[in-house]
Amino acid sequence: KEKGKLLANLYNKLITYVSEKIDKNLDSLYFISKSESMISEFEDTFKAGTEASKENSSITADYARYSNLQIIDIKSKYDYKITELKKYLNQLKVLISPMKDLYNLNSLQKDQRDSVRSIRSSNSSPQEKVSALLNFLSKIKEENGTVLENFKNIERYYEQGKPLKGTLEGLIKMIKTYEQDIVNLIDNEKHNRSYKDDIKNKIIYITEKTDAIKDIIPLNEEVDNIIKQIEKLFNEDLFHEGLPNMEKLKKEKEKIKATIKSLNTNFYDGDLKELVDDMLNFVYKHSDFYDQAYAKGDVVNLQKEAEQEYEKITKLKSNNIPQMLKDLKSESKNLSELKDTMMDEMLNNVHQDISNVFEQIRNKYKDITTSLSAYKEDKQKFEKFKVDMIQTKNELLGSLQQNDKKLSEANNMYEEFLAHIDTTTNREKQMYNQANALKENLANVQSKISSYQGKIEKLKAHTRKNYEKIKTLLQTF
């Protein structure tokens, strides 16, 4: 009996030892810890990725209000990485799900084997406990193939997911870096915004003033061009050929010129074109400044530069740009009218000169035609004298008695005839001289026509007028 008790105690100790060993290694037999470790790695990565993929509330609140091109660029990269992160998180999720399913199968099998504890705590006989333990071990052995296959699949999913896990960790790190960069840049933009707003207002003011002033520059250029044309006209030979109002016109030109100079000096005491060019260059150079990112010191320097340009434009002596434009246009009109007056004076002078020359020719032509008419009358008288003298001669020769009266008439007729011959001869000489003088005048006028045509071409260089009046006069001649 004592021996039986001793054996029973020995069996119980052995069963307890074996069952405890089995209990300690049960997790290992079902790969529970290893499976949990692999799944936990992926789940931790998935959790961190899910957290990183959520929108940062501080970025969302400030992005639209405080943004610049650098922030937009980094935000674009940030959003792209978020999209990539979500895509890879879904891929990791697809791997975690079957790993957990396989783990749950092995865990369920393991839970069913936890009955080893009941074996050592039962009141069964040692033989029954041994039998139950052997049966337990047999079950483990039967399940071992399935459990091992499940674990191998978990390992396969794990190996498949390790590069994905590395990619996700890299994305999470990059997203956090971008996130911090955006937060820092937004904070910097918040600091710079008041400076930017001040610069923006100054650039708007400069742009508005410059746009208005720009209209003055071409008007001044137009005025300068008209003045040059007028001064060139003063230097033309045409203007020195007996124009009575030359000095008066010169004084008028100088008066208008002085008025224009005074207008410009009272508006801005400097080179207005240079001022506008400086302003336009500054505005163009910083046209997109509001969208740029600046270091705090750089934006302060830009504000100082904007202040300097702003002060230049505020130094205009007059802000009444519309009145300045109106006054300049008025003086430009005065100059144009002065130029037209000069052109008309020249035109009238040339026209009068040509008319005088043509009138002289007409008078000489009229003289020669008058002489020719008188010469024709003399010729008719000469023929009548011939007829009368022949008739008187025949009458005297046919009469047997001397007729003193007829003889006296014949003598008087002859005397008159001789006088008429002298008159006719003198008239012929006069006509010859008149014809030569007319030919000479015509030759001189012919050469003058070229001179007049040259004068007209010079006038055309200063105006769009066609001078039809003079052209018609020349064609008539």
Protein backbone atom coordinates (compact mmCIF):
# COMPACT_ATOMS: atom_id res chain seq x y z
CA LYS A 1 0.00 0.00 0.00
CA GLU A 2 2.80 2.33 0.86
CA LYS A 3 4.45 1.39 -2.35
CA GLY A 4 1.28 2.24 -4.27
CA LYS A 5 1.10 5.65 -2.68
CA LEU A 6 4.71 6.27 -3.50
CA LEU A 7 4.14 5.35 -7.14
CA ALA A 8 1.03 7.53 -7.27
CA ASN A 9 2.94 10.52 -5.92
CA LEU A 10 5.74 9.87 -8.35
CA TYR A 11 3.28 9.73 -11.29
CA ASN A 12 1.60 12.91 -10.14
CA LYS A 13 4.92 14.75 -9.89
CA LEU A 14 5.95 13.47 -13.30
CA ILE A 15 2.62 14.40 -14.86
CA THR A 16 2.77 17.83 -13.23
CA TYR A 17 6.33 18.40 -14.49
CA VAL A 18 5.50 17.27 -18.02
CA SER A 19 2.24 19.22 -18.16
CA GLU A 20 3.97 22.37 -16.89
CA LYS A 21 6.67 21.95 -19.54
CA ILE A 22 4.01 21.54 -22.18
CA ASP A 23 2.14 24.55 -20.80
CA LYS A 24 5.27 26.70 -20.95
CA ASN A 25 5.99 25.72 -24.53
CA LEU A 26 2.42 25.74 -25.72
CA ASP A 27 2.75 29.31 -27.14
CA SER A 28 5.93 28.26 -28.87
CA LEU A 29 4.30 25.15 -30.26
CA TYR A 30 1.57 27.29 -31.82
CA PHE A 31 3.96 30.18 -32.77
CA ILE A 32 1.77 32.60 -30.86
CA SER A 33 4.45 35.07 -29.71
CA LYS A 34 6.23 35.16 -33.05
CA SER A 35 2.96 35.67 -34.90
CA GLU A 36 1.89 38.40 -32.50
CA SER A 37 5.25 40.15 -32.90
CA MET A 38 5.02 40.21 -36.71
CA ILE A 39 1.40 41.31 -36.73
CA SER A 40 2.11 43.92 -34.05
CA GLU A 41 4.92 45.40 -36.18
CA PHE A 42 2.58 45.85 -39.13
CA GLU A 43 -0.26 47.15 -36.97
CA ASP A 44 2.03 49.71 -35.31
CA THR A 45 3.16 50.88 -38.75
CA PHE A 46 -0.45 50.95 -39.96
CA LYS A 47 -1.51 52.97 -36.91
CA ALA A 48 1.35 55.46 -37.35
CA GLY A 49 0.57 55.76 -41.06
CA THR A 50 -3.13 56.27 -40.41
CA GLU A 51 -2.30 59.03 -37.94
CA ALA A 52 0.12 60.65 -40.41
CA SER A 53 -2.49 60.56 -43.19
CA LYS A 54 -4.93 62.69 -41.20
CA GLU A 55 -5.08 66.40 -42.06
CA ASN A 56 -3.16 68.69 -39.75
CA SER A 57 -5.76 71.09 -38.36
CA SER A 58 -3.29 73.98 -38.01
CA ILE A 59 -2.23 73.62 -41.66
CA THR A 60 -5.84 73.37 -42.82
CA ALA A 61 -6.81 76.50 -40.89
CA ASP A 62 -3.93 78.71 -42.10
CA TYR A 63 -2.98 77.35 -45.52
CA ALA A 64 -5.54 79.28 -47.58
CA ARG A 65 -4.93 82.54 -45.72
CA TYR A 66 -1.16 82.45 -45.35
CA SER A 67 0.33 80.90 -48.42
CA ASN A 68 3.08 81.50 -50.95
CA LEU A 69 4.65 79.63 -53.85
CA GLN A 70 7.09 77.76 -51.61
CA ILE A 71 4.31 76.67 -49.27
CA ILE A 72 2.15 75.66 -52.24
CA ASP A 73 5.03 73.62 -53.66
CA ILE A 74 5.72 71.79 -50.38
CA LYS A 75 1.98 71.37 -49.73
CA SER A 76 1.64 69.79 -53.16
CA LYS A 77 4.44 67.33 -52.34
CA TYR A 78 2.89 66.77 -48.91
CA ASP A 79 -0.53 65.99 -50.43
CA TYR A 80 1.06 63.66 -52.98
CA LYS A 81 2.89 61.75 -50.24
CA ILE A 82 -0.36 61.52 -48.25
CA THR A 83 -2.04 59.98 -51.29
CA GLU A 84 0.85 57.52 -51.66
CA LEU A 85 0.72 56.75 -47.95
CA LYS A 86 -2.99 55.91 -48.11
CA LYS A 87 -2.38 53.67 -51.11
CA TYR A 88 0.38 51.71 -49.32
CA LEU A 89 -1.65 51.59 -46.09
CA ASN A 90 -4.40 49.81 -48.01
CA GLN A 91 -1.82 47.35 -49.33
CA LEU A 92 -0.52 46.74 -45.79
CA LYS A 93 -4.08 46.32 -44.54
CA VAL A 94 -4.60 43.63 -47.17
CA LEU A 95 -1.60 41.73 -45.68
CA ILE A 96 -2.52 42.24 -42.01
CA SER A 97 -6.00 40.79 -42.47
CA PRO A 98 -4.97 37.23 -43.56
CA MET A 99 -2.10 37.25 -41.04
CA LYS A 100 -4.58 37.88 -38.24
CA ASP A 101 -6.95 35.26 -39.60
CA LEU A 102 -4.15 32.65 -39.59
CA TYR A 103 -3.03 33.78 -36.16
CA ASN A 104 -6.59 33.44 -34.85
CA LEU A 105 -6.78 29.88 -36.22
CA ASN A 106 -3.56 28.90 -34.43
CA SER A 107 -4.64 30.77 -31.30
CA LEU A 108 -7.97 28.92 -31.33
CA GLN A 109 -6.17 25.58 -31.61
CA LYS A 110 -3.88 26.59 -28.79
CA ASP A 111 -6.81 27.64 -26.58
CA GLN A 112 -8.36 24.23 -27.11
CA ARG A 113 -5.13 22.65 -25.87
CA ASP A 114 -5.15 24.68 -22.67
CA SER A 115 -6.97 21.71 -21.12
CA VAL A 116 -3.50 20.43 -20.08
CA ARG A 117 -4.01 22.44 -16.92
CA SER A 118 -7.15 20.47 -16.13
CA ILE A 119 -5.23 17.22 -16.47
CA ARG A 120 -2.84 18.00 -13.63
CA SER A 121 -5.57 19.51 -11.47
CA SER A 122 -8.09 16.68 -11.91
CA ASN A 123 -8.77 13.96 -9.29
CA SER A 124 -8.18 11.22 -11.83
CA SER A 125 -5.85 8.39 -11.14
CA PRO A 126 -2.27 8.68 -12.33
CA GLN A 127 -2.95 6.18 -15.04
CA GLU A 128 -5.89 8.24 -16.27
CA LYS A 129 -3.81 11.40 -16.16
CA VAL A 130 -1.05 9.72 -18.15
CA SER A 131 -3.58 8.51 -20.66
CA ALA A 132 -5.09 12.01 -20.93
CA LEU A 133 -1.62 13.55 -21.30
CA LEU A 134 -0.67 11.13 -24.04
CA ASN A 135 -3.94 11.89 -25.78
CA PHE A 136 -3.19 15.65 -25.44
CA LEU A 137 0.25 15.21 -26.98
CA SER A 138 -1.25 13.15 -29.78
CA LYS A 139 -3.67 16.00 -30.57
CA ILE A 140 -0.82 18.51 -30.63
CA LYS A 141 1.08 16.28 -33.00
CA GLU A 142 -1.95 15.95 -35.25
CA GLU A 143 -2.42 19.75 -35.37
CA ASN A 144 1.25 20.55 -35.75
CA GLY A 145 1.22 20.39 -39.57
CA THR A 146 -1.71 22.78 -39.91
CA VAL A 147 -0.33 25.14 -37.27
CA LEU A 148 3.09 25.15 -38.92
CA GLU A 149 1.56 25.80 -42.35
CA ASN A 150 -0.46 28.68 -40.93
CA PHE A 151 2.64 30.18 -39.34
CA LYS A 152 4.63 29.80 -42.56
CA ASN A 153 1.91 31.71 -44.39
CA ILE A 154 2.06 34.40 -41.70
CA GLU A 155 5.84 34.56 -42.23
CA ARG A 156 5.34 34.73 -46.01
CA TYR A 157 2.93 37.65 -45.62
CA TYR A 158 5.40 39.25 -43.22
CA GLU A 159 8.30 38.94 -45.65
CA GLN A 160 6.06 40.25 -48.40
CA GLY A 161 5.11 43.23 -46.27
CA LYS A 162 8.57 44.18 -44.95
CA PRO A 163 9.51 46.35 -48.00
CA LEU A 164 6.05 47.90 -47.80
CA LYS A 165 6.60 48.60 -44.10
CA GLY A 166 9.93 50.27 -44.93
CA THR A 167 8.27 52.37 -47.64
CA LEU A 168 5.53 53.42 -45.24
CA GLU A 169 8.02 54.36 -42.53
CA GLY A 170 9.92 56.47 -45.08
CA LEU A 171 6.70 58.15 -46.20
CA ILE A 172 5.64 58.82 -42.61
CA LYS A 173 9.00 60.42 -41.88
CA MET A 174 8.85 62.49 -45.07
CA ILE A 175 5.26 63.60 -44.39
CA LYS A 176 6.18 64.71 -40.88
CA THR A 177 9.13 66.67 -42.29
CA TYR A 178 6.90 68.33 -44.93
CA GLU A 179 4.29 69.00 -42.26
CA GLN A 180 6.80 70.73 -40.02
CA ASP A 181 8.22 72.68 -42.98
CA ILE A 182 4.73 73.91 -43.88
CA VAL A 183 4.00 74.93 -40.29
CA ASN A 184 7.32 76.82 -40.09
CA LEU A 185 6.77 78.52 -43.46
CA ILE A 186 3.22 79.53 -42.52
CA ASP A 187 4.54 81.02 -39.26
CA ASN A 188 7.16 82.91 -41.27
CA GLU A 189 4.49 84.09 -43.74
CA LYS A 190 2.35 85.31 -40.85
CA HIS A 191 5.28 87.42 -39.67
CA ASN A 192 5.94 88.74 -43.21
CA ARG A 193 2.33 89.43 -44.14
CA SER A 194 2.13 92.94 -42.65
CA TYR A 195 5.32 93.89 -44.53
CA LYS A 196 3.93 92.37 -47.73
CA ASP A 197 0.64 94.24 -47.38
CA ASP A 198 2.52 97.51 -46.96
CA ILE A 199 4.69 96.77 -50.02
CA LYS A 200 1.60 95.77 -52.01
CA ASN A 201 -0.16 99.06 -51.23
CA LYS A 202 2.92 101.03 -52.26
CA ILE A 203 3.24 99.10 -55.53
CA ILE A 204 -0.46 99.69 -56.29
CA TYR A 205 0.04 103.43 -55.69
CA ILE A 206 3.21 103.49 -57.81
CA THR A 207 1.48 101.56 -60.61
CA GLU A 208 -1.55 103.86 -60.67
CA LYS A 209 0.60 107.00 -60.75
CA THR A 210 2.97 105.57 -63.35
CA ASP A 211 0.10 104.52 -65.63
CA ALA A 212 -1.23 108.07 -65.50
CA ILE A 213 2.18 109.71 -65.95
CA LYS A 214 3.02 107.46 -68.90
CA ASP A 215 0.58 109.44 -71.06
CA ILE A 216 2.59 112.61 -70.44
CA ILE A 217 5.81 111.18 -71.92
CA PRO A 218 4.61 110.55 -75.52
CA LEU A 219 2.88 113.93 -75.42
CA ASN A 220 6.19 115.59 -74.47
CA GLU A 221 7.93 113.63 -77.22
CA GLU A 222 5.31 114.82 -79.69
CA VAL A 223 5.82 118.42 -78.54
CA ASP A 224 9.61 118.09 -78.87
CA ASN A 225 9.19 116.70 -82.37
CA ILE A 226 6.96 119.62 -83.45
CA ILE A 227 9.48 122.11 -82.00
CA LYS A 228 12.27 120.45 -83.99
CA GLN A 229 10.16 120.64 -87.16
CA ILE A 230 9.47 124.33 -86.56
CA GLU A 231 13.13 125.08 -85.91
CA LYS A 232 14.05 123.20 -89.07
CA LEU A 233 11.53 125.33 -90.96
CA PHE A 234 13.21 128.47 -89.60
CA ASN A 235 16.47 127.22 -91.10
CA GLU A 236 14.97 126.53 -94.54
CA ASP A 237 15.78 129.00 -97.37
CA LEU A 238 12.06 129.25 -98.00
CA PHE A 239 11.60 131.01 -94.70
CA HIS A 240 14.17 133.68 -95.44
CA GLU A 241 12.71 134.77 -98.78
CA GLY A 242 10.78 137.82 -97.74
CA LEU A 243 8.49 136.47 -95.02
CA PRO A 244 7.23 139.54 -93.15
CA ASN A 245 6.26 137.76 -89.90
CA MET A 246 9.43 135.74 -89.32
CA GLU A 247 10.47 137.48 -86.07
CA LYS A 248 6.94 137.43 -84.73
CA LEU A 249 6.68 133.68 -85.40
CA LYS A 250 10.05 133.05 -83.76
CA LYS A 251 8.94 134.90 -80.63
CA GLU A 252 5.70 132.92 -80.55
CA LYS A 253 7.66 129.66 -80.81
CA GLU A 254 9.95 130.64 -77.92
CA LYS A 255 6.97 131.67 -75.81
CA ILE A 256 5.22 128.31 -76.29
CA LYS A 257 8.50 126.47 -75.68
CA ALA A 258 9.01 128.33 -72.39
CA THR A 259 5.43 127.56 -71.30
CA ILE A 260 5.95 123.83 -71.95
CA LYS A 261 9.24 123.84 -70.04
CA SER A 262 7.53 125.58 -67.12
CA LEU A 263 4.69 123.03 -67.13
CA ASN A 264 7.15 120.13 -66.95
CA THR A 265 9.37 121.73 -64.32
CA ASN A 266 6.40 122.58 -62.12
CA PHE A 267 5.14 119.01 -62.47
CA TYR A 268 8.44 117.18 -61.82
CA ASP A 269 11.89 118.72 -61.50
CA GLY A 270 13.81 115.91 -63.20
CA ASP A 271 13.75 113.43 -66.06
CA LEU A 272 10.15 112.20 -66.07
CA LYS A 273 10.89 109.34 -68.47
CA GLU A 274 13.73 108.14 -66.27
CA LEU A 275 11.40 108.26 -63.25
CA VAL A 276 8.73 106.22 -65.04
CA ASP A 277 11.31 103.70 -66.30
CA ASP A 278 12.62 103.24 -62.74
CA MET A 279 9.09 102.75 -61.42
CA LEU A 280 8.15 100.29 -64.18
CA ASN A 281 11.36 98.29 -63.65
CA PHE A 282 10.69 98.09 -59.92
CA VAL A 283 7.07 97.00 -60.40
CA TYR A 284 8.04 94.45 -63.09
CA LYS A 285 10.91 93.07 -60.98
CA HIS A 286 8.59 92.48 -58.02
CA SER A 287 5.36 91.73 -59.89
CA ASP A 288 4.97 88.36 -58.13
CA PHE A 289 6.54 89.32 -54.80
CA TYR A 290 3.35 88.60 -52.83
CA ASP A 291 3.49 84.93 -53.85
CA GLN A 292 7.15 84.51 -52.95
CA ALA A 293 8.62 83.30 -49.67
CA TYR A 294 11.06 85.65 -47.94
CA ALA A 295 13.39 85.38 -45.01
CA LYS A 296 12.42 87.91 -42.36
CA GLY A 297 15.40 90.14 -43.13
CA ASP A 298 14.78 90.00 -46.88
CA VAL A 299 11.17 91.16 -46.65
CA VAL A 300 12.26 94.10 -44.47
CA ASN A 301 14.85 95.08 -47.11
CA LEU A 302 12.22 94.85 -49.84
CA GLN A 303 9.92 97.09 -47.82
CA LYS A 304 12.72 99.67 -47.57
CA GLU A 305 13.27 99.50 -51.34
CA ALA A 306 9.53 99.96 -51.94
CA GLU A 307 9.54 102.94 -49.58
CA GLN A 308 12.38 104.56 -51.56
CA GLU A 309 10.51 104.16 -54.87
CA TYR A 310 7.30 105.35 -53.23
CA GLU A 311 9.04 108.52 -52.01
CA LYS A 312 10.28 109.25 -55.55
CA ILE A 313 6.76 109.23 -56.95
CA THR A 314 5.42 111.30 -54.05
CA LYS A 315 7.97 114.02 -54.88
CA LEU A 316 5.91 115.04 -57.89
CA LYS A 317 5.19 118.73 -57.47
CA SER A 318 1.67 118.25 -58.75
CA ASN A 319 -0.74 115.37 -58.46
CA ASN A 320 -3.15 116.95 -60.93
CA ILE A 321 -2.13 114.74 -63.85
CA PRO A 322 -5.34 115.34 -65.88
CA GLN A 323 -4.70 119.10 -65.77
CA MET A 324 -1.08 118.55 -66.81
CA LEU A 325 -2.23 116.47 -69.78
CA LYS A 326 -4.82 119.08 -70.70
CA ASP A 327 -2.24 121.91 -70.57
CA LEU A 328 0.31 119.97 -72.61
CA LYS A 329 -2.28 119.09 -75.25
CA SER A 330 -3.24 122.76 -75.45
CA GLU A 331 0.40 123.83 -75.98
CA SER A 332 0.89 121.02 -78.50
CA LYS A 333 -2.10 122.37 -80.39
CA ASN A 334 -0.60 125.88 -80.26
CA LEU A 335 2.65 124.56 -81.70
CA SER A 336 0.82 122.73 -84.48
CA GLU A 337 -1.10 125.89 -85.31
CA LEU A 338 2.15 127.89 -85.31
CA LYS A 339 3.68 125.37 -87.68
CA ASP A 340 0.61 125.55 -89.94
CA THR A 341 0.85 129.36 -89.90
CA MET A 342 4.49 129.15 -90.95
CA MET A 343 3.63 126.67 -93.68
CA ASP A 344 0.82 128.93 -94.92
CA GLU A 345 3.17 131.93 -94.90
CA MET A 346 5.69 129.98 -96.95
CA LEU A 347 2.97 128.73 -99.26
CA ASN A 348 1.61 132.22 -99.83
CA ASN A 349 5.13 133.53 -100.38
CA VAL A 350 5.92 130.86 -102.98
CA HIS A 351 2.52 131.30 -104.60
CA GLN A 352 2.95 135.07 -104.78
CA ASP A 353 6.45 134.71 -106.21
CA ILE A 354 5.25 132.33 -108.91
CA SER A 355 2.22 134.51 -109.62
CA ASN A 356 4.43 137.62 -110.02
CA VAL A 357 6.74 135.85 -112.45
CA PHE A 358 3.81 134.52 -114.44
CA GLU A 359 2.20 138.00 -114.46
CA GLN A 360 5.38 139.48 -115.92
CA ILE A 361 5.35 136.86 -118.67
CA ARG A 362 1.68 137.51 -119.35
CA ASN A 363 2.36 141.27 -119.62
CA LYS A 364 5.25 140.73 -122.02
CA TYR A 365 3.14 138.32 -124.02
CA LYS A 366 0.33 140.87 -124.05
CA ASP A 367 2.76 143.58 -125.26
CA ILE A 368 4.01 141.44 -128.12
CA THR A 369 0.48 140.43 -129.15
CA THR A 370 -0.53 144.13 -129.09
CA SER A 371 2.46 145.01 -131.26
CA LEU A 372 1.62 142.15 -133.59
CA SER A 373 -1.96 143.42 -133.99
CA ALA A 374 -0.65 146.92 -134.75
CA TYR A 375 1.85 145.45 -137.17
CA LYS A 376 -0.96 143.63 -138.98
CA GLU A 377 -2.88 146.92 -139.25
CA ASP A 378 0.26 148.64 -140.58
CA LYS A 379 0.64 145.91 -143.12
CA GLN A 380 -2.95 146.38 -144.29
CA LYS A 381 -2.33 150.13 -144.61
CA PHE A 382 0.85 149.40 -146.52
CA GLU A 383 -1.05 147.28 -149.03
CA LYS A 384 -3.67 150.03 -149.40
CA PHE A 385 -0.89 152.57 -150.01
CA LYS A 386 0.48 150.35 -152.75
CA VAL A 387 -2.91 150.08 -154.45
CA ASP A 388 -3.61 153.83 -154.14
CA MET A 389 -0.16 154.79 -155.37
CA ILE A 390 -0.36 152.51 -158.42
CA GLN A 391 -3.79 153.88 -159.24
CA THR A 392 -2.57 157.51 -158.92
CA LYS A 393 0.46 156.71 -161.04
CA ASN A 394 -1.69 155.24 -163.78
CA GLU A 395 -4.03 158.22 -163.68
CA LEU A 396 -1.13 160.66 -164.02
CA LEU A 397 0.46 158.73 -166.88
CA GLY A 398 -2.87 158.43 -168.72
CA SER A 399 -3.66 162.16 -168.59
CA LEU A 400 -2.32 164.36 -171.49
CA GLN A 401 -2.65 167.45 -169.40
CA GLN A 402 -0.67 168.09 -166.25
CA ASN A 403 -2.91 167.88 -163.19
CA ASP A 404 -1.24 169.79 -160.39
CA LYS A 405 -3.83 168.68 -157.87
CA LYS A 406 -3.32 164.99 -158.65
CA LEU A 407 0.40 165.47 -158.62
CA SER A 408 0.26 167.12 -155.19
CA GLU A 409 -1.93 164.27 -153.87
CA ALA A 410 0.52 161.73 -155.23
CA ASN A 411 3.42 163.55 -153.63
CA ASN A 412 1.63 163.70 -150.25
CA MET A 413 0.72 160.04 -150.55
CA TYR A 414 4.32 159.14 -151.17
CA GLU A 415 5.49 161.19 -148.19
CA GLU A 416 2.90 159.46 -146.03
CA PHE A 417 3.98 156.09 -147.44
CA LEU A 418 7.61 156.72 -146.51
CA ALA A 419 6.58 157.70 -142.98
CA HIS A 420 4.49 154.55 -142.72
CA ILE A 421 7.46 152.45 -143.82
CA ASP A 422 9.55 153.95 -140.97
CA THR A 423 6.77 153.22 -138.46
CA THR A 424 6.39 149.65 -139.67
CA THR A 425 10.15 149.09 -139.63
CA ASN A 426 10.37 150.41 -136.06
CA ARG A 427 7.45 148.22 -135.04
CA GLU A 428 9.21 145.18 -136.55
CA LYS A 429 12.33 145.95 -134.51
CA GLN A 430 10.19 146.42 -131.38
CA MET A 431 8.44 143.10 -131.97
CA TYR A 432 11.78 141.39 -132.46
CA ASN A 433 13.12 142.81 -129.20
CA GLN A 434 9.91 141.89 -127.37
CA ALA A 435 10.07 138.34 -128.73
CA ASN A 436 13.68 137.95 -127.61
CA ALA A 437 12.84 139.31 -124.15
CA LEU A 438 9.89 136.91 -123.87
CA LYS A 439 12.07 133.97 -124.91
CA GLU A 440 14.65 134.96 -122.33
CA ASN A 441 12.00 135.29 -119.59
CA LEU A 442 10.51 131.94 -120.55
CA ALA A 443 13.93 130.30 -120.28
CA ASN A 444 14.45 131.91 -116.85
CA VAL A 445 11.02 130.81 -115.65
CA GLN A 446 11.64 127.28 -116.90
CA SER A 447 14.67 127.07 -114.63
CA LYS A 448 12.66 128.62 -111.78
CA ILE A 449 9.99 125.94 -112.11
CA SER A 450 12.55 123.33 -110.99
CA SER A 451 13.40 125.60 -108.06
CA TYR A 452 9.72 125.95 -107.13
CA GLN A 453 9.19 122.21 -107.39
CA GLY A 454 12.16 121.71 -105.04
CA LYS A 455 10.60 124.17 -102.60
CA ILE A 456 7.31 122.31 -102.73
CA GLU A 457 9.12 119.03 -101.95
CA LYS A 458 10.74 120.70 -98.93
CA LEU A 459 7.34 121.83 -97.72
CA LYS A 460 5.99 118.31 -98.18
CA ALA A 461 8.72 117.04 -95.83
CA HIS A 462 7.14 119.11 -93.03
CA THR A 463 3.47 118.48 -93.68
CA ARG A 464 0.93 116.22 -95.36
CA LYS A 465 -0.50 119.04 -97.46
CA ASN A 466 -0.49 118.58 -101.24
CA TYR A 467 -0.39 122.29 -102.20
CA GLU A 468 -2.89 121.80 -105.03
CA LYS A 469 -3.08 125.58 -105.49
CA ILE A 470 0.60 125.84 -106.48
CA LYS A 471 0.55 122.57 -108.44
CA THR A 472 -2.38 123.86 -110.50
CA LEU A 473 -0.55 127.15 -111.05
CA LEU A 474 2.54 125.35 -112.33
CA GLN A 475 0.48 123.07 -114.58
CA THR A 476 -1.35 126.09 -116.00
CA PHE A 477 1.96 127.72 -116.82
